[in-house]
Amino acid sequence: MLKVIVVDDEPLARKGMLVRLAAFTELEVVAQCSNGDEAVSRILELKPDVVFLDVEMPGMDGFAVLKCLQQQQLKLPYIVFVTAYDHYAFNAFEVNALDYVLKPVEPERLKAAVEKVLKFHAAADSQKHKGQLAAAVAKLTGDETGNILQRLDKSEPVVNDRFPEAISIKDSGEITRVPVAEIDWVDAAGDYMCIHTKDGQTHILRRTMKELEQELDPRLFVRVHRSAIVNVHTIAKLQMLSNGEHQLMLTNGQAVKVSRSYKDRVKQVFSH
């Protein structure tokens, strides 16, 4: 019987996964975790055979958990990525993918993933395991499978620190990939992010400012307000207003307010 840990920040998602996994007599759920830090601790303690790992979690996400485990230089459990979003991969990745399951989890899809895990475990084929994991991470991150395999062989972190070159935005059944280099600035509008690009377009993204900030290279983007992020290459000047507040003028003529709590960050841009 294989020991299993379920990791998801959503209680209902964890409960649903536990119910579905109960149908597999070959599996025994030994722990459930609600965040990445807890997941790393329990995995190191219990040494499970399989981890059903949510990709999107606040703080330490699924990729960070995997990276942290690799840095411990322990034998990796079989990883089955679970996510509510498909912007990490397109339909090609969904076909015969060993360790990528979309929410809501379909019983047949979960069964296929579990059967594949059981097959690899029975074969005790370490290289196949590495190959499948590398292929999954490559699809999710855009990195090359060969590079990931090399890092596995050298016991280096599987997931590197490279930031995505584009952000995928779903709208009305379509997915638009917006190159990060083309983003001028971002502002919050309720539960949505408005991504303003160099060509004058505005793309609407349902994600928190904190989540988006984690995806953007801090060398290229600076948080200037709790509801605004700016591409440093679009900053023309920093102005002090008569009321003592500051604002940025961008190269496209847009004025963006700088809050006091982020003023020092902005000034660092001008120190380079």
C-alpha atoms as a PDB file:
ATOM      1  CA  MET A   1       0.000   0.000   0.000  1.00  0.00           C
ATOM      2  CA  LEU A   2       1.334   3.416  -0.982  1.00  0.00           C
ATOM      3  CA  LYS A   3       1.334   6.269   1.527  1.00  0.00           C
ATOM      4  CA  VAL A   4      -0.350   9.424   0.215  1.00  0.00           C
ATOM      5  CA  ILE A   5      -0.375  13.080   1.268  1.00  0.00           C
ATOM      6  CA  VAL A   6      -2.972  15.507  -0.095  1.00  0.00           C
ATOM      7  CA  VAL A   7      -1.967  19.194  -0.283  1.00  0.00           C
ATOM      8  CA  ASP A   8      -4.516  21.917  -1.059  1.00  0.00           C
ATOM      9  CA  ASP A   9      -5.330  25.254   0.585  1.00  0.00           C
ATOM     10  CA  GLU A  10      -9.060  24.785  -0.084  1.00  0.00           C
ATOM     11  CA  PRO A  11     -10.810  22.601   2.569  1.00  0.00           C
ATOM     12  CA  LEU A  12     -13.548  21.465   0.174  1.00  0.00           C
ATOM     13  CA  ALA A  13     -10.982  20.486  -2.445  1.00  0.00           C
ATOM     14  CA  ARG A  14      -9.062  18.422   0.117  1.00  0.00           C
ATOM     15  CA  LYS A  15     -12.245  16.732   1.296  1.00  0.00           C
ATOM     16  CA  GLY A  16     -13.265  15.923  -2.266  1.00  0.00           C
ATOM     17  CA  MET A  17      -9.873  14.430  -3.049  1.00  0.00           C
ATOM     18  CA  LEU A  18      -9.956  12.312   0.129  1.00  0.00           C
ATOM     19  CA  VAL A  19     -13.368  10.916  -0.838  1.00  0.00           C
ATOM     20  CA  ARG A  20     -12.177  10.008  -4.326  1.00  0.00           C
ATOM     21  CA  LEU A  21      -8.908   8.462  -3.146  1.00  0.00           C
ATOM     22  CA  ALA A  22     -10.788   6.251  -0.672  1.00  0.00           C
ATOM     23  CA  ALA A  23     -11.891   4.193  -3.679  1.00  0.00           C
ATOM     24  CA  PHE A  24      -8.314   2.999  -4.267  1.00  0.00           C
ATOM     25  CA  THR A  25      -7.394   0.185  -1.881  1.00  0.00           C
ATOM     26  CA  GLU A  26      -3.743   0.470  -2.932  1.00  0.00           C
ATOM     27  CA  LEU A  27      -3.504   3.931  -1.393  1.00  0.00           C
ATOM     28  CA  GLU A  28      -3.508   5.109   2.213  1.00  0.00           C
ATOM     29  CA  VAL A  29      -3.843   8.830   2.949  1.00  0.00           C
ATOM     30  CA  VAL A  30      -1.517   9.506   5.889  1.00  0.00           C
ATOM     31  CA  ALA A  31      -1.860  13.305   6.012  1.00  0.00           C
ATOM     32  CA  GLN A  32      -3.558  16.319   4.480  1.00  0.00           C
ATOM     33  CA  CYS A  33      -1.958  19.761   4.363  1.00  0.00           C
ATOM     34  CA  SER A  34      -3.446  23.209   3.827  1.00  0.00           C
ATOM     35  CA  ASN A  35      -0.306  25.085   2.748  1.00  0.00           C
ATOM     36  CA  GLY A  36       3.166  24.633   1.292  1.00  0.00           C
ATOM     37  CA  ASP A  37       5.130  24.988   4.514  1.00  0.00           C
ATOM     38  CA  GLU A  38       3.043  22.324   6.219  1.00  0.00           C
ATOM     39  CA  ALA A  39       3.383  20.086   3.167  1.00  0.00           C
ATOM     40  CA  VAL A  40       7.188  20.201   3.198  1.00  0.00           C
ATOM     41  CA  SER A  41       7.264  19.420   6.923  1.00  0.00           C
ATOM     42  CA  ARG A  42       4.884  16.463   6.667  1.00  0.00           C
ATOM     43  CA  ILE A  43       6.536  15.051   3.557  1.00  0.00           C
ATOM     44  CA  LEU A  44       9.937  15.106   5.255  1.00  0.00           C
ATOM     45  CA  GLU A  45       8.418  13.500   8.348  1.00  0.00           C
ATOM     46  CA  LEU A  46       6.205  10.814   6.786  1.00  0.00           C
ATOM     47  CA  LYS A  47       8.112  10.146   3.532  1.00  0.00           C
ATOM     48  CA  PRO A  48       5.010   9.390   1.436  1.00  0.00           C
ATOM     49  CA  ASP A  49       5.080   7.525  -1.850  1.00  0.00           C
ATOM     50  CA  VAL A  50       2.632   9.872  -3.568  1.00  0.00           C
ATOM     51  CA  VAL A  51       1.716  13.544  -3.119  1.00  0.00           C
ATOM     52  CA  PHE A  52      -1.349  15.119  -4.686  1.00  0.00           C
ATOM     53  CA  LEU A  53      -0.045  18.681  -4.847  1.00  0.00           C
ATOM     54  CA  ASP A  54      -2.098  21.792  -5.578  1.00  0.00           C
ATOM     55  CA  VAL A  55      -0.229  24.204  -7.855  1.00  0.00           C
ATOM     56  CA  GLU A  56      -1.820  27.495  -6.798  1.00  0.00           C
ATOM     57  CA  MET A  57      -1.475  28.197  -3.071  1.00  0.00           C
ATOM     58  CA  PRO A  58      -0.758  31.456  -1.231  1.00  0.00           C
ATOM     59  CA  GLY A  59       2.774  31.861   0.021  1.00  0.00           C
ATOM     60  CA  MET A  60       4.622  28.701  -0.998  1.00  0.00           C
ATOM     61  CA  ASP A  61       2.936  27.322  -4.110  1.00  0.00           C
ATOM     62  CA  GLY A  62       3.252  23.805  -5.528  1.00  0.00           C
ATOM     63  CA  PHE A  63       6.377  24.622  -7.522  1.00  0.00           C
ATOM     64  CA  ALA A  64       8.078  26.043  -4.436  1.00  0.00           C
ATOM     65  CA  VAL A  65       7.192  22.903  -2.452  1.00  0.00           C
ATOM     66  CA  LEU A  66       8.753  20.735  -5.145  1.00  0.00           C
ATOM     67  CA  LYS A  67      11.841  22.936  -5.260  1.00  0.00           C
ATOM     68  CA  CYS A  68      12.234  22.811  -1.480  1.00  0.00           C
ATOM     69  CA  LEU A  69      11.950  19.016  -1.457  1.00  0.00           C
ATOM     70  CA  GLN A  70      14.589  18.696  -4.155  1.00  0.00           C
ATOM     71  CA  GLN A  71      16.966  20.866  -2.140  1.00  0.00           C
ATOM     72  CA  GLN A  72      16.653  18.354   0.714  1.00  0.00           C
ATOM     73  CA  GLN A  73      18.195  15.748  -1.634  1.00  0.00           C
ATOM     74  CA  LEU A  74      15.673  13.110  -0.634  1.00  0.00           C
ATOM     75  CA  LYS A  75      13.989  10.599  -2.893  1.00  0.00           C
ATOM     76  CA  LEU A  76      11.071  12.438  -4.433  1.00  0.00           C
ATOM     77  CA  PRO A  77       7.606  10.971  -4.014  1.00  0.00           C
ATOM     78  CA  TYR A  78       5.438  10.609  -7.079  1.00  0.00           C
ATOM     79  CA  ILE A  79       3.952  14.053  -7.684  1.00  0.00           C
ATOM     80  CA  VAL A  80       0.450  14.471  -9.084  1.00  0.00           C
ATOM     81  CA  PHE A  81      -0.132  18.162  -9.759  1.00  0.00           C
ATOM     82  CA  VAL A  82      -3.694  19.362  -9.154  1.00  0.00           C
ATOM     83  CA  THR A  83      -4.930  22.768 -10.312  1.00  0.00           C
ATOM     84  CA  ALA A  84      -8.117  24.649 -11.068  1.00  0.00           C
ATOM     85  CA  TYR A  85      -6.459  26.543 -13.929  1.00  0.00           C
ATOM     86  CA  ASP A  86      -5.211  25.404 -17.293  1.00  0.00           C
ATOM     87  CA  HIS A  87      -3.031  28.408 -18.136  1.00  0.00           C
ATOM     88  CA  TYR A  88       0.056  26.375 -17.230  1.00  0.00           C
ATOM     89  CA  ALA A  89      -0.450  24.025 -20.119  1.00  0.00           C
ATOM     90  CA  PHE A  90      -2.595  23.547 -23.172  1.00  0.00           C
ATOM     91  CA  ASN A  91      -4.653  20.583 -24.292  1.00  0.00           C
ATOM     92  CA  ALA A  92      -1.641  18.580 -25.477  1.00  0.00           C
ATOM     93  CA  PHE A  93      -0.460  18.266 -21.905  1.00  0.00           C
ATOM     94  CA  GLU A  94      -3.791  16.895 -20.730  1.00  0.00           C
ATOM     95  CA  VAL A  95      -3.469  13.838 -23.021  1.00  0.00           C
ATOM     96  CA  ASN A  96      -1.869  10.904 -21.155  1.00  0.00           C
ATOM     97  CA  ALA A  97      -0.383  13.239 -18.542  1.00  0.00           C
ATOM     98  CA  LEU A  98       0.734  11.179 -15.558  1.00  0.00           C
ATOM     99  CA  ASP A  99       0.874  13.925 -12.984  1.00  0.00           C
ATOM    100  CA  TYR A 100      -1.411  16.791 -13.970  1.00  0.00           C
ATOM    101  CA  VAL A 101      -5.093  16.724 -12.968  1.00  0.00           C
ATOM    102  CA  LEU A 102      -7.541  19.565 -13.496  1.00  0.00           C
ATOM    103  CA  LYS A 103     -10.126  20.642 -10.939  1.00  0.00           C
ATOM    104  CA  PRO A 104     -12.902  19.711 -10.606  1.00  0.00           C
ATOM    105  CA  VAL A 105     -11.230  16.303 -10.523  1.00  0.00           C
ATOM    106  CA  GLU A 106     -12.975  13.773 -12.747  1.00  0.00           C
ATOM    107  CA  PRO A 107     -13.024  10.191 -11.384  1.00  0.00           C
ATOM    108  CA  GLU A 108     -11.811   8.638 -14.643  1.00  0.00           C
ATOM    109  CA  ARG A 109      -8.947  11.127 -14.961  1.00  0.00           C
ATOM    110  CA  LEU A 110      -7.886  10.534 -11.369  1.00  0.00           C
ATOM    111  CA  LYS A 111      -8.101   6.771 -11.883  1.00  0.00           C
ATOM    112  CA  ALA A 112      -5.791   7.038 -14.899  1.00  0.00           C
ATOM    113  CA  ALA A 113      -3.244   9.048 -12.908  1.00  0.00           C
ATOM    114  CA  VAL A 114      -3.347   6.626  -9.961  1.00  0.00           C
ATOM    115  CA  GLU A 115      -2.961   3.603 -12.231  1.00  0.00           C
ATOM    116  CA  LYS A 116       0.060   5.182 -13.878  1.00  0.00           C
ATOM    117  CA  VAL A 117       1.637   5.879 -10.482  1.00  0.00           C
ATOM    118  CA  LEU A 118       1.022   2.264  -9.393  1.00  0.00           C
ATOM    119  CA  LYS A 119       2.556   0.996 -12.612  1.00  0.00           C
ATOM    120  CA  PHE A 120       5.727   3.015 -12.177  1.00  0.00           C
ATOM    121  CA  HIS A 121       6.001   2.051  -8.535  1.00  0.00           C
ATOM    122  CA  ALA A 122       5.696  -1.640  -9.357  1.00  0.00           C
ATOM    123  CA  ALA A 123       8.359  -1.337 -12.036  1.00  0.00           C
ATOM    124  CA  ALA A 124      10.651   0.559  -9.650  1.00  0.00           C
ATOM    125  CA  ASP A 125      11.939   2.429 -12.664  1.00  0.00           C
ATOM    126  CA  SER A 126      13.609   5.553 -11.322  1.00  0.00           C
ATOM    127  CA  GLN A 127      14.499   6.913 -14.743  1.00  0.00           C
ATOM    128  CA  LYS A 128      10.909   6.658 -15.966  1.00  0.00           C
ATOM    129  CA  HIS A 129       9.788   8.494 -12.877  1.00  0.00           C
ATOM    130  CA  LYS A 130      12.307  11.243 -13.503  1.00  0.00           C
ATOM    131  CA  GLY A 131      11.304  11.444 -17.131  1.00  0.00           C
ATOM    132  CA  GLN A 132       7.596  11.777 -16.367  1.00  0.00           C
ATOM    133  CA  LEU A 133       8.213  14.351 -13.639  1.00  0.00           C
ATOM    134  CA  ALA A 134      10.561  16.310 -15.891  1.00  0.00           C
ATOM    135  CA  ALA A 135       8.004  16.271 -18.709  1.00  0.00           C
ATOM    136  CA  ALA A 136       5.294  17.532 -16.368  1.00  0.00           C
ATOM    137  CA  VAL A 137       7.427  20.333 -14.931  1.00  0.00           C
ATOM    138  CA  ALA A 138       8.561  21.278 -18.443  1.00  0.00           C
ATOM    139  CA  LYS A 139       4.959  21.633 -19.575  1.00  0.00           C
ATOM    140  CA  LEU A 140       4.039  23.633 -16.504  1.00  0.00           C
ATOM    141  CA  THR A 141       7.023  25.988 -16.531  1.00  0.00           C
ATOM    142  CA  GLY A 142       8.092  26.149 -20.175  1.00  0.00           C
ATOM    143  CA  ASP A 143      11.575  24.899 -19.305  1.00  0.00           C
ATOM    144  CA  GLU A 144      13.347  22.241 -21.379  1.00  0.00           C
ATOM    145  CA  THR A 145      12.886  18.610 -20.269  1.00  0.00           C
ATOM    146  CA  GLY A 146      16.592  17.961 -20.772  1.00  0.00           C
ATOM    147  CA  ASN A 147      17.518  20.799 -18.430  1.00  0.00           C
ATOM    148  CA  ILE A 148      15.196  19.447 -15.746  1.00  0.00           C
ATOM    149  CA  LEU A 149      16.622  15.924 -16.086  1.00  0.00           C
ATOM    150  CA  GLN A 150      20.145  17.291 -15.717  1.00  0.00           C
ATOM    151  CA  ARG A 151      19.159  19.060 -12.514  1.00  0.00           C
ATOM    152  CA  LEU A 152      17.563  15.863 -11.207  1.00  0.00           C
ATOM    153  CA  ASP A 153      20.740  13.880 -11.927  1.00  0.00           C
ATOM    154  CA  LYS A 154      22.857  16.507 -10.166  1.00  0.00           C
ATOM    155  CA  SER A 155      20.422  16.729  -7.201  1.00  0.00           C
ATOM    156  CA  GLU A 156      19.817  20.363  -8.058  1.00  0.00           C
ATOM    157  CA  PRO A 157      16.438  22.098  -7.641  1.00  0.00           C
ATOM    158  CA  VAL A 158      13.968  20.827 -10.248  1.00  0.00           C
ATOM    159  CA  VAL A 159      12.280  24.202 -10.645  1.00  0.00           C
ATOM    160  CA  ASN A 160      14.569  27.102 -11.394  1.00  0.00           C
ATOM    161  CA  ASP A 161      14.072  30.731 -10.506  1.00  0.00           C
ATOM    162  CA  ARG A 162      13.170  31.796 -14.043  1.00  0.00           C
ATOM    163  CA  PHE A 163      10.127  34.035 -14.262  1.00  0.00           C
ATOM    164  CA  PRO A 164       7.576  33.384 -17.026  1.00  0.00           C
ATOM    165  CA  GLU A 165       8.047  35.247 -20.279  1.00  0.00           C
ATOM    166  CA  ALA A 166       4.295  35.565 -20.804  1.00  0.00           C
ATOM    167  CA  ILE A 167       1.093  35.592 -18.776  1.00  0.00           C
ATOM    168  CA  SER A 168      -1.912  33.609 -19.994  1.00  0.00           C
ATOM    169  CA  ILE A 169      -5.266  35.359 -19.662  1.00  0.00           C
ATOM    170  CA  LYS A 170      -8.584  33.546 -20.105  1.00  0.00           C
ATOM    171  CA  ASP A 171     -11.529  35.494 -21.476  1.00  0.00           C
ATOM    172  CA  SER A 172     -14.759  34.243 -23.056  1.00  0.00           C
ATOM    173  CA  GLY A 173     -13.381  30.791 -23.795  1.00  0.00           C
ATOM    174  CA  GLU A 174     -10.119  32.102 -25.245  1.00  0.00           C
ATOM    175  CA  ILE A 175      -6.602  32.193 -23.806  1.00  0.00           C
ATOM    176  CA  THR A 176      -4.391  35.172 -24.686  1.00  0.00           C
ATOM    177  CA  ARG A 177      -0.664  35.033 -23.939  1.00  0.00           C
ATOM    178  CA  VAL A 178       0.605  38.496 -23.065  1.00  0.00           C
ATOM    179  CA  PRO A 179       4.418  38.872 -23.216  1.00  0.00           C
ATOM    180  CA  VAL A 180       5.669  40.187 -19.882  1.00  0.00           C
ATOM    181  CA  ALA A 181       8.098  42.545 -21.645  1.00  0.00           C
ATOM    182  CA  GLU A 182       5.111  44.263 -23.298  1.00  0.00           C
ATOM    183  CA  ILE A 183       3.448  45.162 -19.993  1.00  0.00           C
ATOM    184  CA  ASP A 184       3.691  48.871 -19.091  1.00  0.00           C
ATOM    185  CA  TRP A 185       1.857  48.792 -15.786  1.00  0.00           C
ATOM    186  CA  VAL A 186      -0.841  46.983 -13.838  1.00  0.00           C
ATOM    187  CA  ASP A 187      -3.588  48.317 -11.599  1.00  0.00           C
ATOM    188  CA  ALA A 188      -6.218  46.611  -9.479  1.00  0.00           C
ATOM    189  CA  ALA A 189      -9.937  46.950 -10.137  1.00  0.00           C
ATOM    190  CA  GLY A 190     -11.791  45.071  -7.419  1.00  0.00           C
ATOM    191  CA  ASP A 191     -11.111  41.346  -7.785  1.00  0.00           C
ATOM    192  CA  TYR A 192      -9.453  41.878 -11.179  1.00  0.00           C
ATOM    193  CA  MET A 193      -6.111  43.097 -12.491  1.00  0.00           C
ATOM    194  CA  CYS A 194      -5.976  45.483 -15.444  1.00  0.00           C
ATOM    195  CA  ILE A 195      -2.822  44.754 -17.433  1.00  0.00           C
ATOM    196  CA  HIS A 196      -1.895  47.707 -19.661  1.00  0.00           C
ATOM    197  CA  THR A 197       0.440  46.884 -22.554  1.00  0.00           C
ATOM    198  CA  LYS A 198       2.655  48.961 -24.839  1.00  0.00           C
ATOM    199  CA  ASP A 199       0.205  48.683 -27.747  1.00  0.00           C
ATOM    200  CA  GLY A 200      -2.459  50.512 -25.735  1.00  0.00           C
ATOM    201  CA  GLN A 201      -4.549  47.447 -24.916  1.00  0.00           C
ATOM    202  CA  THR A 202      -5.895  46.551 -21.482  1.00  0.00           C
ATOM    203  CA  HIS A 203      -6.261  42.886 -20.530  1.00  0.00           C
ATOM    204  CA  ILE A 204      -8.396  41.796 -17.580  1.00  0.00           C
ATOM    205  CA  LEU A 205      -6.956  39.090 -15.318  1.00  0.00           C
ATOM    206  CA  ARG A 206      -8.736  37.535 -12.343  1.00  0.00           C
ATOM    207  CA  ARG A 207      -5.912  37.212  -9.849  1.00  0.00           C
ATOM    208  CA  THR A 208      -4.746  39.061  -6.746  1.00  0.00           C
ATOM    209  CA  MET A 209      -2.055  41.703  -6.930  1.00  0.00           C
ATOM    210  CA  LYS A 210       0.134  39.619  -4.612  1.00  0.00           C
ATOM    211  CA  GLU A 211      -0.145  36.546  -6.836  1.00  0.00           C
ATOM    212  CA  LEU A 212       0.681  38.523  -9.968  1.00  0.00           C
ATOM    213  CA  GLU A 213       3.609  40.273  -8.284  1.00  0.00           C
ATOM    214  CA  GLN A 214       5.158  36.867  -7.484  1.00  0.00           C
ATOM    215  CA  GLU A 215       5.125  35.995 -11.197  1.00  0.00           C
ATOM    216  CA  LEU A 216       6.914  39.169 -12.284  1.00  0.00           C
ATOM    217  CA  ASP A 217      10.680  39.586 -12.153  1.00  0.00           C
ATOM    218  CA  PRO A 218      11.394  42.150  -9.384  1.00  0.00           C
ATOM    219  CA  ARG A 219      14.333  43.411 -11.442  1.00  0.00           C
ATOM    220  CA  LEU A 220      11.875  44.544 -14.124  1.00  0.00           C
ATOM    221  CA  PHE A 221       8.747  45.408 -12.149  1.00  0.00           C
ATOM    222  CA  VAL A 222       8.257  47.477  -9.003  1.00  0.00           C
ATOM    223  CA  ARG A 223       5.228  47.663  -6.727  1.00  0.00           C
ATOM    224  CA  VAL A 224       4.441  51.366  -6.308  1.00  0.00           C
ATOM    225  CA  HIS A 225       1.092  51.124  -4.578  1.00  0.00           C
ATOM    226  CA  ARG A 226      -1.034  48.394  -3.019  1.00  0.00           C
ATOM    227  CA  SER A 227      -3.018  48.475  -6.261  1.00  0.00           C
ATOM    228  CA  ALA A 228      -0.323  49.210  -8.865  1.00  0.00           C
ATOM    229  CA  ILE A 229       2.799  47.601 -10.367  1.00  0.00           C
ATOM    230  CA  VAL A 230       4.983  49.366 -12.945  1.00  0.00           C
ATOM    231  CA  ASN A 231       7.542  48.172 -15.502  1.00  0.00           C
ATOM    232  CA  VAL A 232      10.747  50.024 -14.540  1.00  0.00           C
ATOM    233  CA  HIS A 233      11.608  50.596 -18.211  1.00  0.00           C
ATOM    234  CA  THR A 234       8.445  52.663 -18.667  1.00  0.00           C
ATOM    235  CA  ILE A 235       9.236  55.098 -15.824  1.00  0.00           C
ATOM    236  CA  ALA A 236      10.101  58.549 -17.154  1.00  0.00           C
ATOM    237  CA  LYS A 237      10.275  60.527 -13.909  1.00  0.00           C
ATOM    238  CA  LEU A 238       9.263  60.694 -10.268  1.00  0.00           C
ATOM    239  CA  GLN A 239       7.338  63.796  -9.239  1.00  0.00           C
ATOM    240  CA  MET A 240       6.649  65.276  -5.799  1.00  0.00           C
ATOM    241  CA  LEU A 241       3.212  66.875  -5.656  1.00  0.00           C
ATOM    242  CA  SER A 242       2.252  69.998  -3.701  1.00  0.00           C
ATOM    243  CA  ASN A 243       0.521  67.895  -1.041  1.00  0.00           C
ATOM    244  CA  GLY A 244       3.747  65.991  -0.340  1.00  0.00           C
ATOM    245  CA  GLU A 245       2.706  62.853  -2.206  1.00  0.00           C
ATOM    246  CA  HIS A 246       4.641  61.316  -5.091  1.00  0.00           C
ATOM    247  CA  GLN A 247       3.655  60.063  -8.501  1.00  0.00           C
ATOM    248  CA  LEU A 248       5.375  58.427 -11.441  1.00  0.00           C
ATOM    249  CA  MET A 249       5.111  59.666 -14.985  1.00  0.00           C
ATOM    250  CA  LEU A 250       5.424  56.854 -17.491  1.00  0.00           C
ATOM    251  CA  THR A 251       6.797  57.128 -21.005  1.00  0.00           C
ATOM    252  CA  ASN A 252       3.250  56.770 -22.376  1.00  0.00           C
ATOM    253  CA  GLY A 253       2.096  59.816 -20.395  1.00  0.00           C
ATOM    254  CA  GLN A 254       0.284  57.846 -17.713  1.00  0.00           C
ATOM    255  CA  ALA A 255       0.523  59.153 -14.145  1.00  0.00           C
ATOM    256  CA  VAL A 256       0.670  56.508 -11.400  1.00  0.00           C
ATOM    257  CA  LYS A 257       0.382  57.400  -7.725  1.00  0.00           C
ATOM    258  CA  VAL A 258       3.141  56.187  -5.374  1.00  0.00           C
ATOM    259  CA  SER A 259       2.041  55.339  -1.845  1.00  0.00           C
ATOM    260  CA  ARG A 260       4.255  56.206   1.108  1.00  0.00           C
ATOM    261  CA  SER A 261       4.856  52.566   2.020  1.00  0.00           C
ATOM    262  CA  TYR A 262       6.334  51.873  -1.426  1.00  0.00           C
ATOM    263  CA  LYS A 263       8.188  55.177  -1.931  1.00  0.00           C
ATOM    264  CA  ASP A 264      11.587  53.757  -0.933  1.00  0.00           C
ATOM    265  CA  ARG A 265      11.249  50.911  -3.424  1.00  0.00           C
ATOM    266  CA  VAL A 266      10.583  53.387  -6.200  1.00  0.00           C
ATOM    267  CA  LYS A 267      13.549  55.553  -5.238  1.00  0.00           C
ATOM    268  CA  GLN A 268      15.817  52.501  -5.529  1.00  0.00           C
ATOM    269  CA  VAL A 269      14.911  52.347  -9.223  1.00  0.00           C
ATOM    270  CA  PHE A 270      16.459  55.788  -9.680  1.00  0.00           C
ATOM    271  CA  SER A 271      19.608  54.847  -7.755  1.00  0.00           C
ATOM    272  CA  HIS A 272      20.780  52.415 -10.444  1.00  0.00           C
END
